[in-house]
C-alpha cells in the first residue's frame, strides 16, 4: 500500500483528451514516478477486442504497477489513469452495470484527480473507440467524481496551460 506521506495524483478523462501527455509532463516537473496505463499494452497483447472479463485483469495490472511505482515515489505519484476509467468503460460499453470489482480489492481513490476536458483534436489510435462520444464520456467522468466526493480539478485548453494550472494547484 502507499506510504502516508505520498500524494497520489491521477489524470483521467475521455479518450484523446491529453491524459498521457499531461501525466508524463506533470511527473517530470514534479520529479515523480509516472505510472503508465496498464490497459494499453494489455489490450495490444490480447490480439483480440477486450471483453468485460478482461477488466478485472486490467484493474489488477494497474494496481500492481501503481504499487511498484509507489515504492519508488517521493512526495508525489502521478498516474495516467486508474479505476475511474474501468468504471466508466464498463458502464458505457457493457450495459451500464459495473462488475469488474467483484472478487477484487476495493478501488483506492487518489488524493487529487485532474479531469481532462475533451477539447483536444481527436487523434486516431487503434485502441480508441468513440471519437463522437467524448463529451458524453466527459460528463460520465464528471458525474462519477462528484458522486464519489473525490477531490478533482477540470483542466481545459492547450497542454502547456493545463500543466501550468496543475502545477499551480499543487
C-alpha atoms as a PDB file:
ATOM      1  CA  UNK A   1       0.000   0.000   0.000  1.00  0.00           C
ATOM      2  CA  UNK A   2       1.029   3.619  -0.391  1.00  0.00           C
ATOM      3  CA  UNK A   3       3.064   5.489   2.193  1.00  0.00           C
ATOM      4  CA  UNK A   4       1.063   8.067   4.165  1.00  0.00           C
ATOM      5  CA  UNK A   5       3.346  10.894   3.095  1.00  0.00           C
ATOM      6  CA  UNK A   6       2.845  10.258  -0.622  1.00  0.00           C
ATOM      7  CA  UNK A   7       0.348  12.346  -2.591  1.00  0.00           C
ATOM      8  CA  UNK A   8      -1.300  10.345  -5.377  1.00  0.00           C
ATOM      9  CA  UNK A   9      -2.416  12.307  -8.451  1.00  0.00           C
ATOM     10  CA  UNK A  10      -4.484  10.682 -11.198  1.00  0.00           C
ATOM     11  CA  UNK A  11      -5.050  12.138 -14.650  1.00  0.00           C
ATOM     12  CA  UNK A  12      -8.370  10.890 -16.006  1.00  0.00           C
ATOM     13  CA  UNK A  13     -10.965  11.668 -18.658  1.00  0.00           C
ATOM     14  CA  UNK A  14     -12.225  10.546 -22.055  1.00  0.00           C
ATOM     15  CA  UNK A  15     -10.112   9.175 -24.876  1.00  0.00           C
ATOM     16  CA  UNK A  16      -7.835  11.562 -26.734  1.00  0.00           C
ATOM     17  CA  UNK A  17      -8.103  14.306 -24.122  1.00  0.00           C
ATOM     18  CA  UNK A  18      -4.374  14.650 -23.460  1.00  0.00           C
ATOM     19  CA  UNK A  19      -4.154  12.465 -20.345  1.00  0.00           C
ATOM     20  CA  UNK A  20      -0.894  10.692 -21.128  1.00  0.00           C
ATOM     21  CA  UNK A  21       0.934  13.831 -22.249  1.00  0.00           C
ATOM     22  CA  UNK A  22      -0.208  15.715 -19.177  1.00  0.00           C
ATOM     23  CA  UNK A  23       0.644  12.861 -16.791  1.00  0.00           C
ATOM     24  CA  UNK A  24       4.144  12.481 -18.258  1.00  0.00           C
ATOM     25  CA  UNK A  25       4.923  16.202 -18.146  1.00  0.00           C
ATOM     26  CA  UNK A  26       3.445  16.647 -14.687  1.00  0.00           C
ATOM     27  CA  UNK A  27       5.545  13.762 -13.359  1.00  0.00           C
ATOM     28  CA  UNK A  28       8.641  15.219 -14.996  1.00  0.00           C
ATOM     29  CA  UNK A  29       8.014  18.645 -13.444  1.00  0.00           C
ATOM     30  CA  UNK A  30       7.373  17.139 -10.015  1.00  0.00           C
ATOM     31  CA  UNK A  31      10.322  14.737 -10.347  1.00  0.00           C
ATOM     32  CA  UNK A  32       7.874  11.989  -9.523  1.00  0.00           C
ATOM     33  CA  UNK A  33       7.284   8.494 -10.883  1.00  0.00           C
ATOM     34  CA  UNK A  34       4.746   8.278 -13.699  1.00  0.00           C
ATOM     35  CA  UNK A  35       2.515   5.188 -13.726  1.00  0.00           C
ATOM     36  CA  UNK A  36       1.567   4.389 -17.338  1.00  0.00           C
ATOM     37  CA  UNK A  37      -1.791   2.988 -18.392  1.00  0.00           C
ATOM     38  CA  UNK A  38      -1.706  -0.803 -17.998  1.00  0.00           C
ATOM     39  CA  UNK A  39      -4.683  -1.347 -20.332  1.00  0.00           C
ATOM     40  CA  UNK A  40      -2.795  -0.221 -23.424  1.00  0.00           C
ATOM     41  CA  UNK A  41      -0.108  -2.959 -23.513  1.00  0.00           C
ATOM     42  CA  UNK A  42      -2.586  -5.484 -22.119  1.00  0.00           C
ATOM     43  CA  UNK A  43      -5.103  -4.941 -24.941  1.00  0.00           C
ATOM     44  CA  UNK A  44      -2.357  -4.845 -27.585  1.00  0.00           C
ATOM     45  CA  UNK A  45      -1.043  -8.164 -26.230  1.00  0.00           C
ATOM     46  CA  UNK A  46      -4.514  -9.776 -26.316  1.00  0.00           C
ATOM     47  CA  UNK A  47      -4.667  -9.747 -30.095  1.00  0.00           C
ATOM     48  CA  UNK A  48      -8.460  -9.507 -29.884  1.00  0.00           C
ATOM     49  CA  UNK A  49     -11.005  -6.952 -28.705  1.00  0.00           C
ATOM     50  CA  UNK A  50     -11.166  -6.760 -24.939  1.00  0.00           C
ATOM     51  CA  UNK A  51     -14.149  -8.231 -23.155  1.00  0.00           C
ATOM     52  CA  UNK A  52     -15.831  -7.461 -19.847  1.00  0.00           C
ATOM     53  CA  UNK A  53     -13.888 -10.285 -18.163  1.00  0.00           C
ATOM     54  CA  UNK A  54     -10.611  -8.539 -19.118  1.00  0.00           C
ATOM     55  CA  UNK A  55     -11.432  -5.524 -16.947  1.00  0.00           C
ATOM     56  CA  UNK A  56     -10.556  -7.422 -13.766  1.00  0.00           C
ATOM     57  CA  UNK A  57      -7.108  -8.315 -15.165  1.00  0.00           C
ATOM     58  CA  UNK A  58      -6.578  -4.726 -16.273  1.00  0.00           C
ATOM     59  CA  UNK A  59      -7.508  -3.493 -12.783  1.00  0.00           C
ATOM     60  CA  UNK A  60      -5.086  -5.920 -11.153  1.00  0.00           C
ATOM     61  CA  UNK A  61      -2.297  -4.948 -13.520  1.00  0.00           C
ATOM     62  CA  UNK A  62      -2.866  -1.232 -12.963  1.00  0.00           C
ATOM     63  CA  UNK A  63      -2.871  -1.761  -9.206  1.00  0.00           C
ATOM     64  CA  UNK A  64       0.362  -3.759  -9.319  1.00  0.00           C
ATOM     65  CA  UNK A  65       2.019  -1.083 -11.436  1.00  0.00           C
ATOM     66  CA  UNK A  66       0.850   1.645  -9.038  1.00  0.00           C
ATOM     67  CA  UNK A  67       2.227  -0.251  -6.049  1.00  0.00           C
ATOM     68  CA  UNK A  68       5.567  -0.834  -7.762  1.00  0.00           C
ATOM     69  CA  UNK A  69       5.965   2.810  -8.800  1.00  0.00           C
ATOM     70  CA  UNK A  70       4.750   3.963  -5.362  1.00  0.00           C
ATOM     71  CA  UNK A  71       7.629   2.051  -3.785  1.00  0.00           C
ATOM     72  CA  UNK A  72       9.953   4.424  -5.658  1.00  0.00           C
ATOM     73  CA  UNK A  73       7.938   7.587  -5.074  1.00  0.00           C
ATOM     74  CA  UNK A  74       8.890  10.604  -3.058  1.00  0.00           C
ATOM     75  CA  UNK A  75       6.210  13.088  -2.141  1.00  0.00           C
ATOM     76  CA  UNK A  76       4.201  12.542  -5.369  1.00  0.00           C
ATOM     77  CA  UNK A  77       2.993   9.709  -7.565  1.00  0.00           C
ATOM     78  CA  UNK A  78       1.393  10.589 -10.923  1.00  0.00           C
ATOM     79  CA  UNK A  79      -0.908   8.011 -12.522  1.00  0.00           C
ATOM     80  CA  UNK A  80      -2.037   8.016 -16.134  1.00  0.00           C
ATOM     81  CA  UNK A  81      -5.470   6.546 -15.294  1.00  0.00           C
ATOM     82  CA  UNK A  82      -6.955   4.436 -12.506  1.00  0.00           C
ATOM     83  CA  UNK A  83     -10.173   2.608 -11.624  1.00  0.00           C
ATOM     84  CA  UNK A  84     -12.310   5.538 -12.811  1.00  0.00           C
ATOM     85  CA  UNK A  85     -11.591   4.583 -16.427  1.00  0.00           C
ATOM     86  CA  UNK A  86     -12.665   0.988 -15.822  1.00  0.00           C
ATOM     87  CA  UNK A  87     -15.826   2.160 -14.091  1.00  0.00           C
ATOM     88  CA  UNK A  88     -16.796   4.435 -16.996  1.00  0.00           C
ATOM     89  CA  UNK A  89     -15.886   1.979 -19.750  1.00  0.00           C
ATOM     90  CA  UNK A  90     -17.776  -0.871 -18.185  1.00  0.00           C
ATOM     91  CA  UNK A  91     -20.879   1.283 -17.793  1.00  0.00           C
ATOM     92  CA  UNK A  92     -20.562   2.722 -21.290  1.00  0.00           C
ATOM     93  CA  UNK A  93     -19.564  -0.373 -23.242  1.00  0.00           C
ATOM     94  CA  UNK A  94     -21.187  -3.218 -21.296  1.00  0.00           C
ATOM     95  CA  UNK A  95     -24.821  -2.438 -20.461  1.00  0.00           C
ATOM     96  CA  UNK A  96     -24.492   0.009 -17.574  1.00  0.00           C
ATOM     97  CA  UNK A  97     -23.673  -2.445 -14.768  1.00  0.00           C
ATOM     98  CA  UNK A  98     -20.275  -2.448 -13.097  1.00  0.00           C
ATOM     99  CA  UNK A  99     -18.998  -5.860 -12.059  1.00  0.00           C
ATOM    100  CA  UNK A 100     -15.218  -5.635 -12.526  1.00  0.00           C
ATOM    101  CA  UNK A 101     -14.642  -5.109  -8.804  1.00  0.00           C
ATOM    102  CA  UNK A 102     -16.411  -8.292  -7.715  1.00  0.00           C
ATOM    103  CA  UNK A 103     -13.879 -10.510  -6.008  1.00  0.00           C
ATOM    104  CA  UNK A 104     -11.228  -7.816  -6.305  1.00  0.00           C
ATOM    105  CA  UNK A 105      -9.693  -5.295  -3.935  1.00  0.00           C
ATOM    106  CA  UNK A 106     -11.655  -2.067  -3.458  1.00  0.00           C
ATOM    107  CA  UNK A 107     -10.504   0.783  -5.666  1.00  0.00           C
ATOM    108  CA  UNK A 108      -8.227   3.190  -3.811  1.00  0.00           C
ATOM    109  CA  UNK A 109      -9.056   6.797  -4.636  1.00  0.00           C
ATOM    110  CA  UNK A 110      -6.339   9.316  -5.350  1.00  0.00           C
ATOM    111  CA  UNK A 111      -5.644  12.415  -3.305  1.00  0.00           C
ATOM    112  CA  UNK A 112      -6.387  14.520  -6.380  1.00  0.00           C
ATOM    113  CA  UNK A 113      -7.830  13.930  -9.846  1.00  0.00           C
ATOM    114  CA  UNK A 114      -7.146  16.088 -12.867  1.00  0.00           C
ATOM    115  CA  UNK A 115     -10.095  15.588 -15.226  1.00  0.00           C
ATOM    116  CA  UNK A 116      -9.058  16.400 -18.790  1.00  0.00           C
ATOM    117  CA  UNK A 117     -11.679  18.142 -20.896  1.00  0.00           C
ATOM    118  CA  UNK A 118     -12.180  16.749 -24.417  1.00  0.00           C
ATOM    119  CA  UNK A 119     -11.090  19.940 -26.150  1.00  0.00           C
ATOM    120  CA  UNK A 120      -8.076  18.424 -27.930  1.00  0.00           C
ATOM    121  CA  UNK A 121      -8.325  17.410 -31.579  1.00  0.00           C
ATOM    122  CA  UNK A 122      -9.109  13.695 -31.876  1.00  0.00           C
ATOM    123  CA  UNK A 123      -6.047  11.568 -32.662  1.00  0.00           C
ATOM    124  CA  UNK A 124      -6.665   8.200 -34.224  1.00  0.00           C
ATOM    125  CA  UNK A 125      -5.322   5.243 -32.299  1.00  0.00           C
ATOM    126  CA  UNK A 126      -6.289   1.590 -32.851  1.00  0.00           C
ATOM    127  CA  UNK A 127      -7.318   1.293 -29.187  1.00  0.00           C
ATOM    128  CA  UNK A 128      -9.587   4.347 -29.179  1.00  0.00           C
ATOM    129  CA  UNK A 129     -13.228   3.639 -29.850  1.00  0.00           C
ATOM    130  CA  UNK A 130     -15.546   6.652 -29.700  1.00  0.00           C
ATOM    131  CA  UNK A 131     -14.445   9.955 -31.260  1.00  0.00           C
ATOM    132  CA  UNK A 132     -18.044  11.148 -31.427  1.00  0.00           C
ATOM    133  CA  UNK A 133     -18.744  10.444 -27.752  1.00  0.00           C
ATOM    134  CA  UNK A 134     -16.059  12.489 -25.987  1.00  0.00           C
ATOM    135  CA  UNK A 135     -18.494  14.980 -24.434  1.00  0.00           C
ATOM    136  CA  UNK A 136     -20.850  12.269 -23.186  1.00  0.00           C
ATOM    137  CA  UNK A 137     -17.926  10.360 -21.686  1.00  0.00           C
ATOM    138  CA  UNK A 138     -16.564  13.528 -20.076  1.00  0.00           C
ATOM    139  CA  UNK A 139     -19.937  14.057 -18.380  1.00  0.00           C
ATOM    140  CA  UNK A 140     -19.817  10.471 -17.073  1.00  0.00           C
ATOM    141  CA  UNK A 141     -16.374  11.088 -15.540  1.00  0.00           C
ATOM    142  CA  UNK A 142     -17.537  14.343 -14.002  1.00  0.00           C
ATOM    143  CA  UNK A 143     -20.614  12.678 -12.508  1.00  0.00           C
ATOM    144  CA  UNK A 144     -18.562   9.772 -11.098  1.00  0.00           C
ATOM    145  CA  UNK A 145     -16.014  12.066  -9.418  1.00  0.00           C
ATOM    146  CA  UNK A 146     -18.808  14.212  -7.963  1.00  0.00           C
ATOM    147  CA  UNK A 147     -20.863  11.210  -6.762  1.00  0.00           C
ATOM    148  CA  UNK A 148     -17.839   9.666  -5.034  1.00  0.00           C
ATOM    149  CA  UNK A 149     -16.965  13.006  -3.397  1.00  0.00           C
ATOM    150  CA  UNK A 150     -13.437  12.918  -4.803  1.00  0.00           C
ATOM    151  CA  UNK A 151     -11.139  15.917  -4.962  1.00  0.00           C
ATOM    152  CA  UNK A 152     -10.710  16.988  -8.593  1.00  0.00           C
ATOM    153  CA  UNK A 153      -9.998  19.862 -10.933  1.00  0.00           C
ATOM    154  CA  UNK A 154     -11.091  20.122 -14.557  1.00  0.00           C
ATOM    155  CA  UNK A 155      -8.261  21.080 -16.904  1.00  0.00           C
ATOM    156  CA  UNK A 156      -9.003  22.665 -20.266  1.00  0.00           C
ATOM    157  CA  UNK A 157      -7.079  24.255 -23.084  1.00  0.00           C
ATOM    158  CA  UNK A 158      -3.662  23.547 -24.577  1.00  0.00           C
ATOM    159  CA  UNK A 159      -1.281  21.198 -22.816  1.00  0.00           C
ATOM    160  CA  UNK A 160       1.008  23.995 -21.598  1.00  0.00           C
ATOM    161  CA  UNK A 161      -1.931  25.734 -19.911  1.00  0.00           C
ATOM    162  CA  UNK A 162      -3.133  22.511 -18.330  1.00  0.00           C
ATOM    163  CA  UNK A 163       0.322  21.744 -16.996  1.00  0.00           C
ATOM    164  CA  UNK A 164       0.749  25.248 -15.589  1.00  0.00           C
ATOM    165  CA  UNK A 165      -2.653  25.106 -13.914  1.00  0.00           C
ATOM    166  CA  UNK A 166      -1.993  21.659 -12.453  1.00  0.00           C
ATOM    167  CA  UNK A 167       1.396  22.665 -11.045  1.00  0.00           C
ATOM    168  CA  UNK A 168      -0.075  25.884  -9.708  1.00  0.00           C
ATOM    169  CA  UNK A 169      -2.801  23.984  -7.930  1.00  0.00           C
ATOM    170  CA  UNK A 170      -0.308  21.732  -6.163  1.00  0.00           C
END
